[in-house]
Each structure stands twice: as structure tokens, then as C-alpha cells.
């Protein structure tokens, strides 16, 4: 069972040291369900991308802005359902969040077989 507190600390340290200011690790891969912990150093961003069929973002530490869908600012402890619009995620301060996605709908093959890399 992943220890989110320990992962938050280790990925935040890795993001602070990373050239691009980010670190990620796929924690759960079960059928079409994916859960990934992502850390972004203040000012770092996940570039605009297409949304999966269903997704949510739960901020564990820090504050992030989700662009492309009303630009909500999310803080530690907040959970937000992502819409189906293209969006980006920008760190307003050093941040770690848990991204939960569903990669297909019933009867469709899963999308994006890639595994996020640490660092």
C-alpha cells in the first residue's frame, strides 16, 4: 500500500532538483484506472493536454491552477473533478497532487499505455 506522506516528501524533493521542476510515479494501474502522484516545483507546469474520459485531481500539498476550465485554484486537501476539455496544471507554489484517471469507457480499449517516469 503506497504511503502518500512519504511519496509526497520524496517527489517534492525530486521535483525541486529536476531540471523541469517535476516528478511523477504511477501508483495504481488496475484495468482502466490509473492513480499517479505528481509533484511540481513552484512555476512548473504540465503542458496543455487532452483530458481522459474521467479524471480528478486531489492536492496533497501546495496550490495549483487548472487552466482551460475556468482556471480554478486548488489548495491542499481539495479534490476537483476535471472536465473533458484540454487543460494544463500550473504550480503556484511547490505542490504535490494525486491524479486519478479512467483511460477508457466500457467496451473501448484503454488509452495511453505509457507509464509516467519518476523525475
C-alpha atoms as a PDB file:
ATOM      1  CA  UNK A   1       0.000   0.000   0.000  1.00  0.00           C
ATOM      2  CA  UNK A   2       1.579   3.333  -1.035  1.00  0.00           C
ATOM      3  CA  UNK A   3       2.449   5.774   1.759  1.00  0.00           C
ATOM      4  CA  UNK A   4       1.238   9.105   0.333  1.00  0.00           C
ATOM      5  CA  UNK A   5       3.015  11.125   3.035  1.00  0.00           C
ATOM      6  CA  UNK A   6       6.392   9.564   2.200  1.00  0.00           C
ATOM      7  CA  UNK A   7       5.737   9.798  -1.547  1.00  0.00           C
ATOM      8  CA  UNK A   8       4.780  13.468  -1.208  1.00  0.00           C
ATOM      9  CA  UNK A   9       8.086  14.221   0.516  1.00  0.00           C
ATOM     10  CA  UNK A  10      10.265  12.217  -1.877  1.00  0.00           C
ATOM     11  CA  UNK A  11       8.612  13.507  -5.057  1.00  0.00           C
ATOM     12  CA  UNK A  12       8.682  17.108  -3.883  1.00  0.00           C
ATOM     13  CA  UNK A  13      12.424  16.773  -3.233  1.00  0.00           C
ATOM     14  CA  UNK A  14      12.869  15.204  -6.677  1.00  0.00           C
ATOM     15  CA  UNK A  15      10.838  17.973  -8.367  1.00  0.00           C
ATOM     16  CA  UNK A  16      12.918  20.659  -6.665  1.00  0.00           C
ATOM     17  CA  UNK A  17      16.071  19.044  -8.053  1.00  0.00           C
ATOM     18  CA  UNK A  18      14.652  18.255 -11.506  1.00  0.00           C
ATOM     19  CA  UNK A  19      15.596  20.418 -14.493  1.00  0.00           C
ATOM     20  CA  UNK A  20      11.900  20.767 -15.431  1.00  0.00           C
ATOM     21  CA  UNK A  21      10.631  21.032 -11.854  1.00  0.00           C
ATOM     22  CA  UNK A  22       8.538  17.892 -11.771  1.00  0.00           C
ATOM     23  CA  UNK A  23       8.426  14.298 -10.601  1.00  0.00           C
ATOM     24  CA  UNK A  24       5.756  11.619 -11.083  1.00  0.00           C
ATOM     25  CA  UNK A  25       5.070   7.992 -10.283  1.00  0.00           C
ATOM     26  CA  UNK A  26       2.252   5.712 -11.357  1.00  0.00           C
ATOM     27  CA  UNK A  27       0.935   4.155  -8.140  1.00  0.00           C
ATOM     28  CA  UNK A  28      -2.153   2.233  -9.251  1.00  0.00           C
ATOM     29  CA  UNK A  29      -2.793   0.547 -12.583  1.00  0.00           C
ATOM     30  CA  UNK A  30      -5.914  -1.581 -12.446  1.00  0.00           C
ATOM     31  CA  UNK A  31      -7.728  -2.118 -15.733  1.00  0.00           C
ATOM     32  CA  UNK A  32      -8.670   1.370 -16.939  1.00  0.00           C
ATOM     33  CA  UNK A  33      -7.990   3.007 -13.550  1.00  0.00           C
ATOM     34  CA  UNK A  34      -4.741   4.946 -13.039  1.00  0.00           C
ATOM     35  CA  UNK A  35      -3.568   6.880  -9.990  1.00  0.00           C
ATOM     36  CA  UNK A  36      -0.410   8.929 -10.252  1.00  0.00           C
ATOM     37  CA  UNK A  37       1.342  11.112  -7.710  1.00  0.00           C
ATOM     38  CA  UNK A  38       2.764  14.233  -9.371  1.00  0.00           C
ATOM     39  CA  UNK A  39       4.996  16.891  -7.815  1.00  0.00           C
ATOM     40  CA  UNK A  40       5.627  20.287  -9.394  1.00  0.00           C
ATOM     41  CA  UNK A  41       8.078  22.922  -8.220  1.00  0.00           C
ATOM     42  CA  UNK A  42       6.644  26.452  -7.988  1.00  0.00           C
ATOM     43  CA  UNK A  43       6.303  27.830 -11.519  1.00  0.00           C
ATOM     44  CA  UNK A  44       6.437  24.402 -13.198  1.00  0.00           C
ATOM     45  CA  UNK A  45       3.569  23.249 -15.371  1.00  0.00           C
ATOM     46  CA  UNK A  46       2.124  20.181 -17.007  1.00  0.00           C
ATOM     47  CA  UNK A  47       1.567  21.479 -20.526  1.00  0.00           C
ATOM     48  CA  UNK A  48      -1.903  21.614 -22.015  1.00  0.00           C
ATOM     49  CA  UNK A  49      -3.165  18.151 -22.870  1.00  0.00           C
ATOM     50  CA  UNK A  50      -6.363  16.281 -23.709  1.00  0.00           C
ATOM     51  CA  UNK A  51      -8.440  15.084 -20.800  1.00  0.00           C
ATOM     52  CA  UNK A  52      -9.064  11.366 -20.306  1.00  0.00           C
ATOM     53  CA  UNK A  53     -12.617  10.001 -20.136  1.00  0.00           C
ATOM     54  CA  UNK A  54     -12.804  10.773 -16.422  1.00  0.00           C
ATOM     55  CA  UNK A  55     -10.302  12.326 -14.029  1.00  0.00           C
ATOM     56  CA  UNK A  56      -9.907  14.014 -10.690  1.00  0.00           C
ATOM     57  CA  UNK A  57      -7.092  15.891  -9.012  1.00  0.00           C
ATOM     58  CA  UNK A  58      -6.562  15.907  -5.236  1.00  0.00           C
ATOM     59  CA  UNK A  59      -3.986  18.380  -3.957  1.00  0.00           C
ATOM     60  CA  UNK A  60      -1.892  16.866  -1.183  1.00  0.00           C
ATOM     61  CA  UNK A  61       0.473  19.826  -0.663  1.00  0.00           C
ATOM     62  CA  UNK A  62       0.609  23.344  -2.115  1.00  0.00           C
ATOM     63  CA  UNK A  63      -1.589  25.191  -4.610  1.00  0.00           C
ATOM     64  CA  UNK A  64      -2.164  24.589  -8.319  1.00  0.00           C
ATOM     65  CA  UNK A  65      -4.180  26.247 -11.076  1.00  0.00           C
ATOM     66  CA  UNK A  66      -6.018  24.141 -13.634  1.00  0.00           C
ATOM     67  CA  UNK A  67      -6.219  26.077 -16.895  1.00  0.00           C
ATOM     68  CA  UNK A  68      -8.766  25.594 -19.634  1.00  0.00           C
ATOM     69  CA  UNK A  69     -11.759  25.040 -17.380  1.00  0.00           C
ATOM     70  CA  UNK A  70     -12.466  28.254 -15.525  1.00  0.00           C
ATOM     71  CA  UNK A  71      -8.956  28.405 -14.045  1.00  0.00           C
ATOM     72  CA  UNK A  72      -9.751  27.073 -10.551  1.00  0.00           C
ATOM     73  CA  UNK A  73      -7.030  27.384  -7.909  1.00  0.00           C
ATOM     74  CA  UNK A  74      -6.866  24.282  -5.740  1.00  0.00           C
ATOM     75  CA  UNK A  75      -5.166  24.085  -2.349  1.00  0.00           C
ATOM     76  CA  UNK A  76      -4.049  21.269  -0.050  1.00  0.00           C
ATOM     77  CA  UNK A  77      -6.900  18.930   0.768  1.00  0.00           C
ATOM     78  CA  UNK A  78      -9.091  19.968  -2.161  1.00  0.00           C
ATOM     79  CA  UNK A  79     -10.474  17.496  -4.667  1.00  0.00           C
ATOM     80  CA  UNK A  80     -11.603  18.622  -8.123  1.00  0.00           C
ATOM     81  CA  UNK A  81     -13.224  16.713 -10.974  1.00  0.00           C
ATOM     82  CA  UNK A  82     -11.563  17.556 -14.272  1.00  0.00           C
ATOM     83  CA  UNK A  83     -13.799  18.289 -17.243  1.00  0.00           C
ATOM     84  CA  UNK A  84     -13.333  16.813 -20.695  1.00  0.00           C
ATOM     85  CA  UNK A  85     -11.664  19.998 -22.008  1.00  0.00           C
ATOM     86  CA  UNK A  86      -7.986  20.395 -22.796  1.00  0.00           C
ATOM     87  CA  UNK A  87      -6.222  21.742 -19.759  1.00  0.00           C
ATOM     88  CA  UNK A  88      -2.870  22.344 -18.094  1.00  0.00           C
ATOM     89  CA  UNK A  89      -1.821  22.281 -14.440  1.00  0.00           C
ATOM     90  CA  UNK A  90       0.478  25.022 -13.092  1.00  0.00           C
ATOM     91  CA  UNK A  91       2.074  25.059  -9.646  1.00  0.00           C
ATOM     92  CA  UNK A  92       1.546  28.350  -7.815  1.00  0.00           C
ATOM     93  CA  UNK A  93       3.861  27.038  -5.099  1.00  0.00           C
ATOM     94  CA  UNK A  94       5.723  23.759  -4.595  1.00  0.00           C
ATOM     95  CA  UNK A  95       2.886  21.229  -4.915  1.00  0.00           C
ATOM     96  CA  UNK A  96       2.045  17.537  -4.952  1.00  0.00           C
ATOM     97  CA  UNK A  97      -1.235  16.090  -6.178  1.00  0.00           C
ATOM     98  CA  UNK A  98      -2.840  12.728  -6.794  1.00  0.00           C
ATOM     99  CA  UNK A  99      -4.233  12.388 -10.302  1.00  0.00           C
ATOM    100  CA  UNK A 100      -6.891   9.709 -10.770  1.00  0.00           C
ATOM    101  CA  UNK A 101      -7.892   8.834 -14.330  1.00  0.00           C
ATOM    102  CA  UNK A 102     -10.095   6.383 -16.184  1.00  0.00           C
ATOM    103  CA  UNK A 103      -8.488   5.695 -19.531  1.00  0.00           C
ATOM    104  CA  UNK A 104     -11.460   4.270 -21.451  1.00  0.00           C
ATOM    105  CA  UNK A 105     -15.179   3.678 -21.358  1.00  0.00           C
ATOM    106  CA  UNK A 106     -16.784   0.230 -21.249  1.00  0.00           C
ATOM    107  CA  UNK A 107     -16.162  -1.614 -24.493  1.00  0.00           C
ATOM    108  CA  UNK A 108     -13.212   0.591 -25.567  1.00  0.00           C
ATOM    109  CA  UNK A 109      -9.540  -0.332 -25.373  1.00  0.00           C
ATOM    110  CA  UNK A 110      -7.572   1.664 -22.731  1.00  0.00           C
ATOM    111  CA  UNK A 111      -5.815   4.827 -23.918  1.00  0.00           C
ATOM    112  CA  UNK A 112      -2.222   5.818 -23.235  1.00  0.00           C
ATOM    113  CA  UNK A 113      -0.333   2.693 -22.267  1.00  0.00           C
ATOM    114  CA  UNK A 114       2.618   4.872 -21.252  1.00  0.00           C
ATOM    115  CA  UNK A 115       3.873   4.846 -17.741  1.00  0.00           C
ATOM    116  CA  UNK A 116       4.883   8.220 -16.195  1.00  0.00           C
ATOM    117  CA  UNK A 117       8.535   8.239 -15.266  1.00  0.00           C
ATOM    118  CA  UNK A 118       9.931   9.302 -11.924  1.00  0.00           C
ATOM    119  CA  UNK A 119      11.717  12.602 -12.350  1.00  0.00           C
END
